[in-house]
Amino acid sequence: MMHCVIFMGPTFYQRLIHMAEDKEHRVVHPLTWQPVADRKRFGGVRFREMERDCLLAHSASLQKTS
């Protein structure tokens, strides 16, 4: 049996006011569905191999597609 001090107290959570999907605004290439590279044309960040592996590692393989 371990003898230790345990702290118990209230925990408060807050909900985000915005959703990431609502803030998404970018121009995509019609063939590859990747964001265009030019900042003048409101280009975005590309979703490549490392980003895919990160989502798979965090069990986020199911994404909303619309």
C-alpha atoms as a PDB file:
ATOM      1  CA  MET A   1       0.000   0.000   0.000  1.00  0.00           C
ATOM      2  CA  MET A   2       1.311   3.449  -0.927  1.00  0.00           C
ATOM      3  CA  HIS A   3       0.842   6.417   1.349  1.00  0.00           C
ATOM      4  CA  CYS A   4       0.642   9.685  -0.549  1.00  0.00           C
ATOM      5  CA  VAL A   5      -1.240  12.963  -0.622  1.00  0.00           C
ATOM      6  CA  ILE A   6      -3.868  13.304  -3.352  1.00  0.00           C
ATOM      7  CA  PHE A   7      -5.292  16.677  -4.383  1.00  0.00           C
ATOM      8  CA  MET A   8      -8.914  16.785  -5.467  1.00  0.00           C
ATOM      9  CA  GLY A   9     -10.549  19.953  -6.732  1.00  0.00           C
ATOM     10  CA  PRO A  10     -12.925  21.368  -9.309  1.00  0.00           C
ATOM     11  CA  THR A  11     -11.954  21.419 -12.975  1.00  0.00           C
ATOM     12  CA  PHE A  12     -13.374  23.965 -15.381  1.00  0.00           C
ATOM     13  CA  TYR A  13     -13.596  23.520 -19.151  1.00  0.00           C
ATOM     14  CA  GLN A  14     -14.500  26.049 -21.809  1.00  0.00           C
ATOM     15  CA  ARG A  15     -15.883  25.417 -25.266  1.00  0.00           C
ATOM     16  CA  LEU A  16     -14.269  27.012 -28.310  1.00  0.00           C
ATOM     17  CA  ILE A  17     -16.306  29.830 -29.783  1.00  0.00           C
ATOM     18  CA  HIS A  18     -15.262  28.917 -33.316  1.00  0.00           C
ATOM     19  CA  MET A  19     -14.900  25.676 -35.197  1.00  0.00           C
ATOM     20  CA  ALA A  20     -11.869  25.073 -37.423  1.00  0.00           C
ATOM     21  CA  GLU A  21     -14.072  24.099 -40.354  1.00  0.00           C
ATOM     22  CA  ASP A  22     -15.826  27.483 -40.239  1.00  0.00           C
ATOM     23  CA  LYS A  23     -12.513  29.367 -40.308  1.00  0.00           C
ATOM     24  CA  GLU A  24     -11.212  27.423 -43.292  1.00  0.00           C
ATOM     25  CA  HIS A  25     -10.790  29.583 -46.390  1.00  0.00           C
ATOM     26  CA  ARG A  26      -8.431  28.585 -49.139  1.00  0.00           C
ATOM     27  CA  VAL A  27      -8.184  28.031 -52.857  1.00  0.00           C
ATOM     28  CA  VAL A  28      -7.453  24.452 -53.904  1.00  0.00           C
ATOM     29  CA  HIS A  29      -6.090  22.926 -57.092  1.00  0.00           C
ATOM     30  CA  PRO A  30      -9.002  21.065 -58.746  1.00  0.00           C
ATOM     31  CA  LEU A  31      -6.920  18.024 -59.718  1.00  0.00           C
ATOM     32  CA  THR A  32      -5.044  17.296 -56.465  1.00  0.00           C
ATOM     33  CA  TRP A  33      -7.295  19.103 -53.925  1.00  0.00           C
ATOM     34  CA  GLN A  34      -4.123  20.584 -52.391  1.00  0.00           C
ATOM     35  CA  PRO A  35      -3.969  24.292 -51.502  1.00  0.00           C
ATOM     36  CA  VAL A  36      -2.350  26.521 -54.085  1.00  0.00           C
ATOM     37  CA  ALA A  37       1.190  27.571 -53.218  1.00  0.00           C
ATOM     38  CA  ASP A  38       0.942  31.292 -53.854  1.00  0.00           C
ATOM     39  CA  ARG A  39       0.110  33.570 -50.910  1.00  0.00           C
ATOM     40  CA  LYS A  40      -1.294  36.157 -53.304  1.00  0.00           C
ATOM     41  CA  ARG A  41      -3.986  33.649 -54.258  1.00  0.00           C
ATOM     42  CA  PHE A  42      -4.781  32.810 -50.596  1.00  0.00           C
ATOM     43  CA  GLY A  43      -2.740  29.610 -50.585  1.00  0.00           C
ATOM     44  CA  GLY A  44      -2.605  27.369 -47.553  1.00  0.00           C
ATOM     45  CA  VAL A  45      -0.521  24.678 -45.896  1.00  0.00           C
ATOM     46  CA  ARG A  46      -0.203  21.396 -47.749  1.00  0.00           C
ATOM     47  CA  PHE A  47      -1.237  18.149 -46.079  1.00  0.00           C
ATOM     48  CA  ARG A  48       1.665  15.778 -46.702  1.00  0.00           C
ATOM     49  CA  GLU A  49       3.141  12.552 -45.349  1.00  0.00           C
ATOM     50  CA  MET A  50       4.175  13.766 -41.878  1.00  0.00           C
ATOM     51  CA  GLU A  51       0.790  15.372 -41.240  1.00  0.00           C
ATOM     52  CA  ARG A  52      -0.939  12.165 -42.352  1.00  0.00           C
ATOM     53  CA  ASP A  53       1.241  10.053 -40.046  1.00  0.00           C
ATOM     54  CA  CYS A  54       0.503  12.381 -37.140  1.00  0.00           C
ATOM     55  CA  LEU A  55      -3.254  11.998 -37.630  1.00  0.00           C
ATOM     56  CA  LEU A  56      -2.958   8.231 -37.934  1.00  0.00           C
ATOM     57  CA  ALA A  57      -0.859   8.058 -34.751  1.00  0.00           C
ATOM     58  CA  HIS A  58      -3.538   9.938 -32.842  1.00  0.00           C
ATOM     59  CA  SER A  59      -6.342   7.675 -34.157  1.00  0.00           C
ATOM     60  CA  ALA A  60      -7.869  10.438 -36.197  1.00  0.00           C
ATOM     61  CA  SER A  61      -8.159   8.419 -39.376  1.00  0.00           C
ATOM     62  CA  LEU A  62     -11.839   9.267 -39.836  1.00  0.00           C
ATOM     63  CA  GLN A  63     -12.142  12.761 -41.263  1.00  0.00           C
ATOM     64  CA  LYS A  64     -15.190  14.648 -42.339  1.00  0.00           C
ATOM     65  CA  THR A  65     -15.268  14.978 -46.098  1.00  0.00           C
ATOM     66  CA  SER A  66     -17.688  17.310 -47.764  1.00  0.00           C
END
